[in-house]
């Protein structure tokens, strides 16, 4: 088995994982990366029959300031586990990157079929019981769309309907779900954890994948220059600004399509892949996109500022 960082579970942790999904006594396992391996840092059995009552008691006791870690927390039964990734903002950058790049390996080693939800947090409150409930509420009840987003949704649906008859690939109204390369996955996780604030991704028309073009960090005034005027692309941009006397960060998904400069086939595939890719950002990477923008040439950064919440 190949691993993204070359890091895998040691034998003791594998044995702990087997016990977790067979005997059902374990409430939570804390996992750390040490000596280039994933190892069990601590294992806590159930304190009661209620996972809700146990949650804050066991989770809060295992978190250490400035130290990333993983937690596997048993919910209703041994077949339903919550995967918690704790990555404090003030922890060393190298450690944050290492934990971000190894998370898929850990999920695979534990068994993705046992993981009901995945909770990511930079603070202890993010991964508290209340934080988990807020995550579930947000997950099950998406916020209402603005008028502009409603128009964009109608346009997206219209595009998907018009393309169904011209594609010989398996396709639904949601479009075409091309695989995201490992390189692109790493870049998206880096974006999520604040290691970079901009990622450009393109569609490989021959391999039928979505791949990373570049990652970078820059101010909003440089955004226009970072978007190619000659090729199509998907851009993720984390916009930090002040609104109503508060510091605000807004995550943008920018769809760039320079019109007639791009071949018809490419335009169709970019349009068809867009909705499934956005769905993957939300469902697989747990990234909440605040604004979706269709890029127009010469659109300046203050357009985003004027439309941001």
C-alpha atoms as a PDB file:
ATOM      1  CA  UNK A   1       0.000   0.000   0.000  1.00  0.00           C
ATOM      2  CA  UNK A   2       1.338   3.429  -0.905  1.00  0.00           C
ATOM      3  CA  UNK A   3       0.978   6.329   1.529  1.00  0.00           C
ATOM      4  CA  UNK A   4       1.019  10.021   0.817  1.00  0.00           C
ATOM      5  CA  UNK A   5       3.801  10.742   3.325  1.00  0.00           C
ATOM      6  CA  UNK A   6       5.302   7.283   3.723  1.00  0.00           C
ATOM      7  CA  UNK A   7       3.872   7.258   7.261  1.00  0.00           C
ATOM      8  CA  UNK A   8       1.670   4.355   8.335  1.00  0.00           C
ATOM      9  CA  UNK A   9       0.267   2.832  11.531  1.00  0.00           C
ATOM     10  CA  UNK A  10       2.619   0.859  13.746  1.00  0.00           C
ATOM     11  CA  UNK A  11       1.577  -2.649  14.801  1.00  0.00           C
ATOM     12  CA  UNK A  12       0.316  -1.578  18.240  1.00  0.00           C
ATOM     13  CA  UNK A  13      -2.051   0.963  16.684  1.00  0.00           C
ATOM     14  CA  UNK A  14      -3.334  -1.588  14.187  1.00  0.00           C
ATOM     15  CA  UNK A  15      -4.171  -3.875  17.093  1.00  0.00           C
ATOM     16  CA  UNK A  16      -5.973  -1.020  18.873  1.00  0.00           C
ATOM     17  CA  UNK A  17      -8.002  -0.339  15.732  1.00  0.00           C
ATOM     18  CA  UNK A  18      -9.007  -4.000  15.504  1.00  0.00           C
ATOM     19  CA  UNK A  19     -10.228  -3.893  19.101  1.00  0.00           C
ATOM     20  CA  UNK A  20     -12.166  -0.672  18.452  1.00  0.00           C
ATOM     21  CA  UNK A  21     -14.299  -2.245  15.752  1.00  0.00           C
ATOM     22  CA  UNK A  22     -14.785  -5.625  17.438  1.00  0.00           C
ATOM     23  CA  UNK A  23     -15.226  -5.383  21.223  1.00  0.00           C
ATOM     24  CA  UNK A  24     -16.907  -1.936  21.381  1.00  0.00           C
ATOM     25  CA  UNK A  25     -15.485  -0.966  24.792  1.00  0.00           C
ATOM     26  CA  UNK A  26     -13.275   1.863  23.569  1.00  0.00           C
ATOM     27  CA  UNK A  27     -14.739   5.377  23.556  1.00  0.00           C
ATOM     28  CA  UNK A  28     -11.825   7.293  22.072  1.00  0.00           C
ATOM     29  CA  UNK A  29      -8.321   6.723  20.715  1.00  0.00           C
ATOM     30  CA  UNK A  30      -5.784   9.530  20.431  1.00  0.00           C
ATOM     31  CA  UNK A  31      -3.324   9.070  17.581  1.00  0.00           C
ATOM     32  CA  UNK A  32      -0.069  10.979  17.112  1.00  0.00           C
ATOM     33  CA  UNK A  33       2.720  10.972  14.542  1.00  0.00           C
ATOM     34  CA  UNK A  34       5.994  10.026  16.232  1.00  0.00           C
ATOM     35  CA  UNK A  35       9.196   8.533  14.880  1.00  0.00           C
ATOM     36  CA  UNK A  36       7.778   8.622  11.329  1.00  0.00           C
ATOM     37  CA  UNK A  37       4.799   6.433  12.282  1.00  0.00           C
ATOM     38  CA  UNK A  38       1.218   6.718  13.463  1.00  0.00           C
ATOM     39  CA  UNK A  39       0.973   5.467  17.034  1.00  0.00           C
ATOM     40  CA  UNK A  40      -1.601   5.221  19.814  1.00  0.00           C
ATOM     41  CA  UNK A  41      -1.014   8.068  22.254  1.00  0.00           C
ATOM     42  CA  UNK A  42      -3.878   7.165  24.582  1.00  0.00           C
ATOM     43  CA  UNK A  43      -6.932   4.925  24.617  1.00  0.00           C
ATOM     44  CA  UNK A  44      -9.976   5.655  26.829  1.00  0.00           C
ATOM     45  CA  UNK A  45     -12.822   3.231  27.447  1.00  0.00           C
ATOM     46  CA  UNK A  46     -16.474   4.242  27.722  1.00  0.00           C
ATOM     47  CA  UNK A  47     -17.359   6.201  30.851  1.00  0.00           C
ATOM     48  CA  UNK A  48     -21.075   5.619  30.332  1.00  0.00           C
ATOM     49  CA  UNK A  49     -23.508   4.214  27.782  1.00  0.00           C
ATOM     50  CA  UNK A  50     -24.083   7.720  26.379  1.00  0.00           C
ATOM     51  CA  UNK A  51     -21.560   9.054  23.901  1.00  0.00           C
ATOM     52  CA  UNK A  52     -23.054  12.538  24.368  1.00  0.00           C
ATOM     53  CA  UNK A  53     -22.263  12.481  28.102  1.00  0.00           C
ATOM     54  CA  UNK A  54     -18.764  11.117  27.510  1.00  0.00           C
ATOM     55  CA  UNK A  55     -17.839  13.457  24.669  1.00  0.00           C
ATOM     56  CA  UNK A  56     -16.472  16.592  26.356  1.00  0.00           C
ATOM     57  CA  UNK A  57     -15.124  14.645  29.343  1.00  0.00           C
ATOM     58  CA  UNK A  58     -12.796  12.511  27.251  1.00  0.00           C
ATOM     59  CA  UNK A  59     -12.105  14.716  24.214  1.00  0.00           C
ATOM     60  CA  UNK A  60     -11.087  17.876  26.090  1.00  0.00           C
ATOM     61  CA  UNK A  61      -8.713  15.917  28.330  1.00  0.00           C
ATOM     62  CA  UNK A  62      -6.769  14.626  25.325  1.00  0.00           C
ATOM     63  CA  UNK A  63      -6.127  17.919  23.531  1.00  0.00           C
ATOM     64  CA  UNK A  64      -2.823  19.730  24.043  1.00  0.00           C
ATOM     65  CA  UNK A  65      -2.136  23.342  23.056  1.00  0.00           C
ATOM     66  CA  UNK A  66       0.006  23.809  19.932  1.00  0.00           C
ATOM     67  CA  UNK A  67       0.019  20.058  19.256  1.00  0.00           C
ATOM     68  CA  UNK A  68      -1.931  18.534  16.326  1.00  0.00           C
ATOM     69  CA  UNK A  69      -3.446  15.102  16.812  1.00  0.00           C
ATOM     70  CA  UNK A  70      -6.120  12.746  15.568  1.00  0.00           C
ATOM     71  CA  UNK A  71      -8.967  11.301  17.633  1.00  0.00           C
ATOM     72  CA  UNK A  72     -11.225   8.364  16.799  1.00  0.00           C
ATOM     73  CA  UNK A  73     -14.388   8.728  18.910  1.00  0.00           C
ATOM     74  CA  UNK A  74     -17.051   6.018  19.112  1.00  0.00           C
ATOM     75  CA  UNK A  75     -20.573   7.351  18.630  1.00  0.00           C
ATOM     76  CA  UNK A  76     -23.679   5.127  18.858  1.00  0.00           C
ATOM     77  CA  UNK A  77     -21.845   1.819  18.517  1.00  0.00           C
ATOM     78  CA  UNK A  78     -18.633   0.162  17.363  1.00  0.00           C
ATOM     79  CA  UNK A  79     -19.628   0.614  13.723  1.00  0.00           C
ATOM     80  CA  UNK A  80     -20.008   4.401  13.946  1.00  0.00           C
ATOM     81  CA  UNK A  81     -16.958   6.548  14.659  1.00  0.00           C
ATOM     82  CA  UNK A  82     -16.215  10.248  14.485  1.00  0.00           C
ATOM     83  CA  UNK A  83     -12.794  11.107  13.050  1.00  0.00           C
ATOM     84  CA  UNK A  84     -11.504  14.299  14.696  1.00  0.00           C
ATOM     85  CA  UNK A  85      -8.536  16.228  13.300  1.00  0.00           C
ATOM     86  CA  UNK A  86      -7.195  18.809  15.757  1.00  0.00           C
ATOM     87  CA  UNK A  87      -4.700  21.233  14.195  1.00  0.00           C
ATOM     88  CA  UNK A  88      -4.129  24.408  16.262  1.00  0.00           C
ATOM     89  CA  UNK A  89      -3.307  27.554  14.290  1.00  0.00           C
ATOM     90  CA  UNK A  90      -0.229  28.196  16.442  1.00  0.00           C
ATOM     91  CA  UNK A  91       1.282  24.716  16.054  1.00  0.00           C
ATOM     92  CA  UNK A  92       4.442  24.355  13.908  1.00  0.00           C
ATOM     93  CA  UNK A  93       3.727  24.639  10.187  1.00  0.00           C
ATOM     94  CA  UNK A  94       5.617  21.446   9.361  1.00  0.00           C
ATOM     95  CA  UNK A  95       3.505  19.456  11.819  1.00  0.00           C
ATOM     96  CA  UNK A  96       0.273  20.893  10.424  1.00  0.00           C
ATOM     97  CA  UNK A  97       1.341  19.927   6.907  1.00  0.00           C
ATOM     98  CA  UNK A  98       2.369  16.444   8.038  1.00  0.00           C
ATOM     99  CA  UNK A  99      -0.934  15.778   9.789  1.00  0.00           C
ATOM    100  CA  UNK A 100      -2.895  17.146   6.820  1.00  0.00           C
ATOM    101  CA  UNK A 101      -1.044  14.897   4.371  1.00  0.00           C
ATOM    102  CA  UNK A 102      -1.380  11.752   6.532  1.00  0.00           C
ATOM    103  CA  UNK A 103      -5.077  11.946   7.408  1.00  0.00           C
ATOM    104  CA  UNK A 104      -6.213   9.886   4.384  1.00  0.00           C
ATOM    105  CA  UNK A 105      -3.786   7.142   5.305  1.00  0.00           C
ATOM    106  CA  UNK A 106      -5.132   6.996   8.857  1.00  0.00           C
ATOM    107  CA  UNK A 107      -8.743   6.838   7.659  1.00  0.00           C
ATOM    108  CA  UNK A 108      -7.864   4.011   5.303  1.00  0.00           C
ATOM    109  CA  UNK A 109      -6.011   2.065   8.022  1.00  0.00           C
ATOM    110  CA  UNK A 110      -8.940   2.421  10.444  1.00  0.00           C
ATOM    111  CA  UNK A 111     -11.513   1.600   7.789  1.00  0.00           C
ATOM    112  CA  UNK A 112     -13.498   4.337   6.090  1.00  0.00           C
ATOM    113  CA  UNK A 113     -16.658   2.260   6.389  1.00  0.00           C
ATOM    114  CA  UNK A 114     -16.608   2.749  10.160  1.00  0.00           C
ATOM    115  CA  UNK A 115     -16.230   6.550   9.985  1.00  0.00           C
ATOM    116  CA  UNK A 116     -19.606   8.289  10.099  1.00  0.00           C
ATOM    117  CA  UNK A 117     -18.346  11.891  10.161  1.00  0.00           C
ATOM    118  CA  UNK A 118     -15.123  13.865  10.081  1.00  0.00           C
ATOM    119  CA  UNK A 119     -14.657  16.950  12.252  1.00  0.00           C
ATOM    120  CA  UNK A 120     -11.787  19.394  11.709  1.00  0.00           C
ATOM    121  CA  UNK A 121     -10.851  22.098  14.215  1.00  0.00           C
ATOM    122  CA  UNK A 122      -8.185  24.698  14.918  1.00  0.00           C
ATOM    123  CA  UNK A 123      -9.402  25.355  18.470  1.00  0.00           C
ATOM    124  CA  UNK A 124     -10.673  23.169  21.296  1.00  0.00           C
ATOM    125  CA  UNK A 125     -14.125  24.702  20.975  1.00  0.00           C
ATOM    126  CA  UNK A 126     -14.201  23.687  17.281  1.00  0.00           C
ATOM    127  CA  UNK A 127     -14.046  20.010  18.273  1.00  0.00           C
ATOM    128  CA  UNK A 128     -16.120  20.233  21.460  1.00  0.00           C
ATOM    129  CA  UNK A 129     -19.561  18.623  21.728  1.00  0.00           C
ATOM    130  CA  UNK A 130     -21.145  21.979  20.896  1.00  0.00           C
ATOM    131  CA  UNK A 131     -18.773  22.380  17.947  1.00  0.00           C
ATOM    132  CA  UNK A 132     -19.756  18.939  16.663  1.00  0.00           C
ATOM    133  CA  UNK A 133     -23.473  19.773  16.974  1.00  0.00           C
ATOM    134  CA  UNK A 134     -22.933  23.027  15.064  1.00  0.00           C
ATOM    135  CA  UNK A 135     -21.100  21.065  12.368  1.00  0.00           C
ATOM    136  CA  UNK A 136     -24.029  18.630  12.066  1.00  0.00           C
ATOM    137  CA  UNK A 137     -26.538  21.475  11.921  1.00  0.00           C
ATOM    138  CA  UNK A 138     -24.550  23.221   9.215  1.00  0.00           C
ATOM    139  CA  UNK A 139     -24.082  19.966   7.317  1.00  0.00           C
ATOM    140  CA  UNK A 140     -27.780  19.090   7.320  1.00  0.00           C
ATOM    141  CA  UNK A 141     -29.163  22.587   6.818  1.00  0.00           C
ATOM    142  CA  UNK A 142     -27.174  24.602   4.264  1.00  0.00           C
ATOM    143  CA  UNK A 143     -27.588  28.386   4.541  1.00  0.00           C
ATOM    144  CA  UNK A 144     -29.999  30.132   2.168  1.00  0.00           C
ATOM    145  CA  UNK A 145     -28.543  31.353  -1.114  1.00  0.00           C
ATOM    146  CA  UNK A 146     -28.196  35.025  -1.894  1.00  0.00           C
ATOM    147  CA  UNK A 147     -29.957  36.401  -4.961  1.00  0.00           C
ATOM    148  CA  UNK A 148     -26.718  36.229  -6.956  1.00  0.00           C
ATOM    149  CA  UNK A 149     -26.112  32.632  -5.870  1.00  0.00           C
ATOM    150  CA  UNK A 150     -29.675  31.706  -6.825  1.00  0.00           C
ATOM    151  CA  UNK A 151     -29.022  33.039 -10.325  1.00  0.00           C
ATOM    152  CA  UNK A 152     -25.748  31.121 -10.518  1.00  0.00           C
ATOM    153  CA  UNK A 153     -27.483  27.909  -9.390  1.00  0.00           C
ATOM    154  CA  UNK A 154     -30.117  28.292 -12.123  1.00  0.00           C
ATOM    155  CA  UNK A 155     -27.363  28.882 -14.677  1.00  0.00           C
ATOM    156  CA  UNK A 156     -25.428  25.800 -13.503  1.00  0.00           C
ATOM    157  CA  UNK A 157     -28.528  23.600 -13.746  1.00  0.00           C
ATOM    158  CA  UNK A 158     -29.240  24.943 -17.203  1.00  0.00           C
ATOM    159  CA  UNK A 159     -25.695  24.154 -18.336  1.00  0.00           C
ATOM    160  CA  UNK A 160     -25.902  20.591 -17.019  1.00  0.00           C
ATOM    161  CA  UNK A 161     -29.197  19.913 -18.795  1.00  0.00           C
ATOM    162  CA  UNK A 162     -27.847  21.223 -22.110  1.00  0.00           C
ATOM    163  CA  UNK A 163     -24.762  18.993 -21.933  1.00  0.00           C
ATOM    164  CA  UNK A 164     -26.367  15.638 -21.175  1.00  0.00           C
ATOM    165  CA  UNK A 165     -27.036  14.854 -24.838  1.00  0.00           C
ATOM    166  CA  UNK A 166     -23.506  15.608 -26.070  1.00  0.00           C
ATOM    167  CA  UNK A 167     -21.516  13.445 -23.644  1.00  0.00           C
ATOM    168  CA  UNK A 168     -21.064   9.710 -24.059  1.00  0.00           C
ATOM    169  CA  UNK A 169     -19.760   9.373 -20.494  1.00  0.00           C
ATOM    170  CA  UNK A 170     -21.873   8.365 -17.530  1.00  0.00           C
ATOM    171  CA  UNK A 171     -23.552  11.584 -16.495  1.00  0.00           C
ATOM    172  CA  UNK A 172     -26.374  12.825 -14.279  1.00  0.00           C
ATOM    173  CA  UNK A 173     -27.763  16.310 -13.782  1.00  0.00           C
ATOM    174  CA  UNK A 174     -24.908  16.823 -11.342  1.00  0.00           C
ATOM    175  CA  UNK A 175     -22.327  16.509 -14.150  1.00  0.00           C
ATOM    176  CA  UNK A 176     -19.109  14.544 -14.495  1.00  0.00           C
ATOM    177  CA  UNK A 177     -17.127  13.583 -11.400  1.00  0.00           C
ATOM    178  CA  UNK A 178     -13.484  13.413 -12.511  1.00  0.00           C
ATOM    179  CA  UNK A 179     -10.937  12.067  -9.960  1.00  0.00           C
ATOM    180  CA  UNK A 180      -8.853  14.644  -8.080  1.00  0.00           C
ATOM    181  CA  UNK A 181      -5.129  13.837  -8.241  1.00  0.00           C
ATOM    182  CA  UNK A 182      -3.138  13.324  -5.022  1.00  0.00           C
ATOM    183  CA  UNK A 183      -1.169  16.486  -5.755  1.00  0.00           C
ATOM    184  CA  UNK A 184      -4.398  18.453  -6.002  1.00  0.00           C
ATOM    185  CA  UNK A 185      -5.751  16.869  -2.807  1.00  0.00           C
ATOM    186  CA  UNK A 186      -2.646  17.973  -0.891  1.00  0.00           C
ATOM    187  CA  UNK A 187      -3.035  21.490  -2.260  1.00  0.00           C
ATOM    188  CA  UNK A 188      -6.693  21.633  -1.202  1.00  0.00           C
ATOM    189  CA  UNK A 189      -5.830  20.496   2.341  1.00  0.00           C
ATOM    190  CA  UNK A 190      -3.053  23.126   2.475  1.00  0.00           C
ATOM    191  CA  UNK A 191      -5.628  25.721   1.448  1.00  0.00           C
ATOM    192  CA  UNK A 192      -8.057  24.519   4.110  1.00  0.00           C
ATOM    193  CA  UNK A 193      -5.422  24.733   6.840  1.00  0.00           C
ATOM    194  CA  UNK A 194      -4.202  28.181   5.811  1.00  0.00           C
ATOM    195  CA  UNK A 195      -0.783  27.129   4.526  1.00  0.00           C
ATOM    196  CA  UNK A 196      -1.648  28.927   1.277  1.00  0.00           C
ATOM    197  CA  UNK A 197      -4.570  31.182   0.367  1.00  0.00           C
ATOM    198  CA  UNK A 198      -4.816  30.418  -3.356  1.00  0.00           C
ATOM    199  CA  UNK A 199      -4.964  27.203  -5.362  1.00  0.00           C
ATOM    200  CA  UNK A 200      -5.422  26.911  -9.119  1.00  0.00           C
ATOM    201  CA  UNK A 201      -6.737  23.625 -10.500  1.00  0.00           C
ATOM    202  CA  UNK A 202      -7.319  22.547 -14.088  1.00  0.00           C
ATOM    203  CA  UNK A 203      -9.072  19.693 -15.863  1.00  0.00           C
ATOM    204  CA  UNK A 204      -6.818  17.274 -17.748  1.00  0.00           C
ATOM    205  CA  UNK A 205      -8.915  16.557 -20.830  1.00  0.00           C
ATOM    206  CA  UNK A 206      -6.937  13.460 -21.827  1.00  0.00           C
ATOM    207  CA  UNK A 207      -6.550  11.793 -18.425  1.00  0.00           C
ATOM    208  CA  UNK A 208      -9.952  13.050 -17.239  1.00  0.00           C
ATOM    209  CA  UNK A 209      -8.665  14.205 -13.875  1.00  0.00           C
ATOM    210  CA  UNK A 210      -8.573  17.453 -11.933  1.00  0.00           C
ATOM    211  CA  UNK A 211      -4.985  18.439 -11.151  1.00  0.00           C
ATOM    212  CA  UNK A 212      -3.101  21.186  -9.337  1.00  0.00           C
ATOM    213  CA  UNK A 213      -1.538  23.985 -11.351  1.00  0.00           C
ATOM    214  CA  UNK A 214      -0.143  26.054  -8.478  1.00  0.00           C
ATOM    215  CA  UNK A 215      -0.486  27.133  -4.858  1.00  0.00           C
ATOM    216  CA  UNK A 216       0.426  30.580  -3.577  1.00  0.00           C
ATOM    217  CA  UNK A 217      -0.291  33.292  -1.044  1.00  0.00           C
ATOM    218  CA  UNK A 218      -1.015  36.895  -1.989  1.00  0.00           C
ATOM    219  CA  UNK A 219      -3.273  39.854  -1.285  1.00  0.00           C
ATOM    220  CA  UNK A 220      -6.610  40.438  -2.971  1.00  0.00           C
ATOM    221  CA  UNK A 221      -5.149  43.165  -5.175  1.00  0.00           C
ATOM    222  CA  UNK A 222      -3.043  40.510  -6.957  1.00  0.00           C
ATOM    223  CA  UNK A 223      -5.935  38.140  -7.623  1.00  0.00           C
ATOM    224  CA  UNK A 224      -6.738  39.452 -11.102  1.00  0.00           C
ATOM    225  CA  UNK A 225      -3.139  38.936 -12.236  1.00  0.00           C
ATOM    226  CA  UNK A 226      -3.136  35.367 -10.872  1.00  0.00           C
ATOM    227  CA  UNK A 227      -6.037  34.257 -13.082  1.00  0.00           C
ATOM    228  CA  UNK A 228      -5.015  33.295 -16.604  1.00  0.00           C
ATOM    229  CA  UNK A 229      -6.663  35.167 -19.459  1.00  0.00           C
ATOM    230  CA  UNK A 230      -5.913  32.332 -21.878  1.00  0.00           C
ATOM    231  CA  UNK A 231      -6.952  29.111 -20.140  1.00  0.00           C
ATOM    232  CA  UNK A 232      -9.884  27.891 -18.098  1.00  0.00           C
ATOM    233  CA  UNK A 233      -9.490  27.034 -14.446  1.00  0.00           C
ATOM    234  CA  UNK A 234     -10.957  26.533 -11.003  1.00  0.00           C
ATOM    235  CA  UNK A 235      -9.525  28.787  -8.305  1.00  0.00           C
ATOM    236  CA  UNK A 236      -9.842  28.607  -4.520  1.00  0.00           C
ATOM    237  CA  UNK A 237      -9.085  31.884  -2.772  1.00  0.00           C
ATOM    238  CA  UNK A 238      -9.241  32.668   0.953  1.00  0.00           C
ATOM    239  CA  UNK A 239     -10.019  36.381   1.211  1.00  0.00           C
ATOM    240  CA  UNK A 240      -9.096  38.037   4.530  1.00  0.00           C
ATOM    241  CA  UNK A 241     -10.672  41.430   5.113  1.00  0.00           C
ATOM    242  CA  UNK A 242     -12.628  43.541   7.590  1.00  0.00           C
ATOM    243  CA  UNK A 243     -16.400  43.794   7.606  1.00  0.00           C
ATOM    244  CA  UNK A 244     -18.479  45.684  10.159  1.00  0.00           C
ATOM    245  CA  UNK A 245     -15.297  46.332  12.176  1.00  0.00           C
ATOM    246  CA  UNK A 246     -14.523  42.624  12.363  1.00  0.00           C
ATOM    247  CA  UNK A 247     -11.789  40.508  10.793  1.00  0.00           C
ATOM    248  CA  UNK A 248     -13.444  38.176   8.286  1.00  0.00           C
ATOM    249  CA  UNK A 249     -12.184  35.404   6.010  1.00  0.00           C
ATOM    250  CA  UNK A 250     -14.289  34.316   3.050  1.00  0.00           C
ATOM    251  CA  UNK A 251     -13.560  31.269   0.910  1.00  0.00           C
ATOM    252  CA  UNK A 252     -14.170  31.855  -2.801  1.00  0.00           C
ATOM    253  CA  UNK A 253     -14.593  29.370  -5.608  1.00  0.00           C
ATOM    254  CA  UNK A 254     -13.750  31.174  -8.844  1.00  0.00           C
ATOM    255  CA  UNK A 255     -14.680  29.640 -12.189  1.00  0.00           C
ATOM    256  CA  UNK A 256     -12.580  31.161 -14.967  1.00  0.00           C
ATOM    257  CA  UNK A 257     -13.565  30.549 -18.585  1.00  0.00           C
ATOM    258  CA  UNK A 258     -12.040  32.925 -21.186  1.00  0.00           C
ATOM    259  CA  UNK A 259     -14.786  32.241 -23.728  1.00  0.00           C
ATOM    260  CA  UNK A 260     -13.842  31.557 -27.329  1.00  0.00           C
ATOM    261  CA  UNK A 261     -10.159  31.125 -26.456  1.00  0.00           C
ATOM    262  CA  UNK A 262     -11.040  27.717 -24.982  1.00  0.00           C
ATOM    263  CA  UNK A 263     -12.118  24.812 -27.258  1.00  0.00           C
ATOM    264  CA  UNK A 264     -15.764  23.751 -27.087  1.00  0.00           C
ATOM    265  CA  UNK A 265     -14.928  20.318 -25.623  1.00  0.00           C
ATOM    266  CA  UNK A 266     -12.926  21.921 -22.811  1.00  0.00           C
ATOM    267  CA  UNK A 267     -15.714  24.380 -22.067  1.00  0.00           C
ATOM    268  CA  UNK A 268     -18.232  21.560 -21.817  1.00  0.00           C
ATOM    269  CA  UNK A 269     -16.031  19.456 -19.532  1.00  0.00           C
ATOM    270  CA  UNK A 270     -15.156  22.343 -17.213  1.00  0.00           C
ATOM    271  CA  UNK A 271     -18.838  23.202 -16.926  1.00  0.00           C
ATOM    272  CA  UNK A 272     -19.854  19.567 -16.332  1.00  0.00           C
ATOM    273  CA  UNK A 273     -17.131  18.926 -13.727  1.00  0.00           C
ATOM    274  CA  UNK A 274     -17.803  22.080 -11.750  1.00  0.00           C
ATOM    275  CA  UNK A 275     -20.801  20.992  -9.668  1.00  0.00           C
ATOM    276  CA  UNK A 276     -19.346  17.573  -8.636  1.00  0.00           C
ATOM    277  CA  UNK A 277     -16.038  19.261  -7.773  1.00  0.00           C
ATOM    278  CA  UNK A 278     -17.829  21.792  -5.546  1.00  0.00           C
ATOM    279  CA  UNK A 279     -19.720  18.941  -3.934  1.00  0.00           C
ATOM    280  CA  UNK A 280     -16.438  17.143  -3.251  1.00  0.00           C
ATOM    281  CA  UNK A 281     -14.976  20.264  -1.626  1.00  0.00           C
ATOM    282  CA  UNK A 282     -17.924  20.355   0.756  1.00  0.00           C
ATOM    283  CA  UNK A 283     -18.479  16.655   1.408  1.00  0.00           C
ATOM    284  CA  UNK A 284     -14.973  15.153   1.177  1.00  0.00           C
ATOM    285  CA  UNK A 285     -12.711  18.039   2.159  1.00  0.00           C
ATOM    286  CA  UNK A 286     -15.222  19.710   4.520  1.00  0.00           C
ATOM    287  CA  UNK A 287     -14.588  23.149   3.024  1.00  0.00           C
ATOM    288  CA  UNK A 288     -17.490  25.571   3.166  1.00  0.00           C
ATOM    289  CA  UNK A 289     -17.446  27.832   0.116  1.00  0.00           C
ATOM    290  CA  UNK A 290     -18.782  31.271   1.037  1.00  0.00           C
ATOM    291  CA  UNK A 291     -18.935  32.730  -2.484  1.00  0.00           C
ATOM    292  CA  UNK A 292     -18.997  31.276  -5.977  1.00  0.00           C
ATOM    293  CA  UNK A 293     -17.810  33.645  -8.688  1.00  0.00           C
ATOM    294  CA  UNK A 294     -17.772  33.350 -12.454  1.00  0.00           C
ATOM    295  CA  UNK A 295     -14.647  35.271 -13.418  1.00  0.00           C
ATOM    296  CA  UNK A 296     -14.867  37.940 -16.063  1.00  0.00           C
ATOM    297  CA  UNK A 297     -11.724  39.415 -17.607  1.00  0.00           C
ATOM    298  CA  UNK A 298     -10.593  42.648 -15.969  1.00  0.00           C
ATOM    299  CA  UNK A 299     -12.680  41.882 -12.877  1.00  0.00           C
ATOM    300  CA  UNK A 300     -10.778  43.611 -10.067  1.00  0.00           C
ATOM    301  CA  UNK A 301     -10.449  42.555  -6.443  1.00  0.00           C
ATOM    302  CA  UNK A 302     -12.843  45.259  -5.237  1.00  0.00           C
ATOM    303  CA  UNK A 303     -15.630  43.381  -7.038  1.00  0.00           C
ATOM    304  CA  UNK A 304     -15.121  40.599  -4.514  1.00  0.00           C
ATOM    305  CA  UNK A 305     -14.932  43.102  -1.631  1.00  0.00           C
ATOM    306  CA  UNK A 306     -18.228  44.675  -2.618  1.00  0.00           C
ATOM    307  CA  UNK A 307     -19.934  41.283  -2.825  1.00  0.00           C
ATOM    308  CA  UNK A 308     -18.468  39.738   0.340  1.00  0.00           C
ATOM    309  CA  UNK A 309     -20.357  39.161   3.527  1.00  0.00           C
END
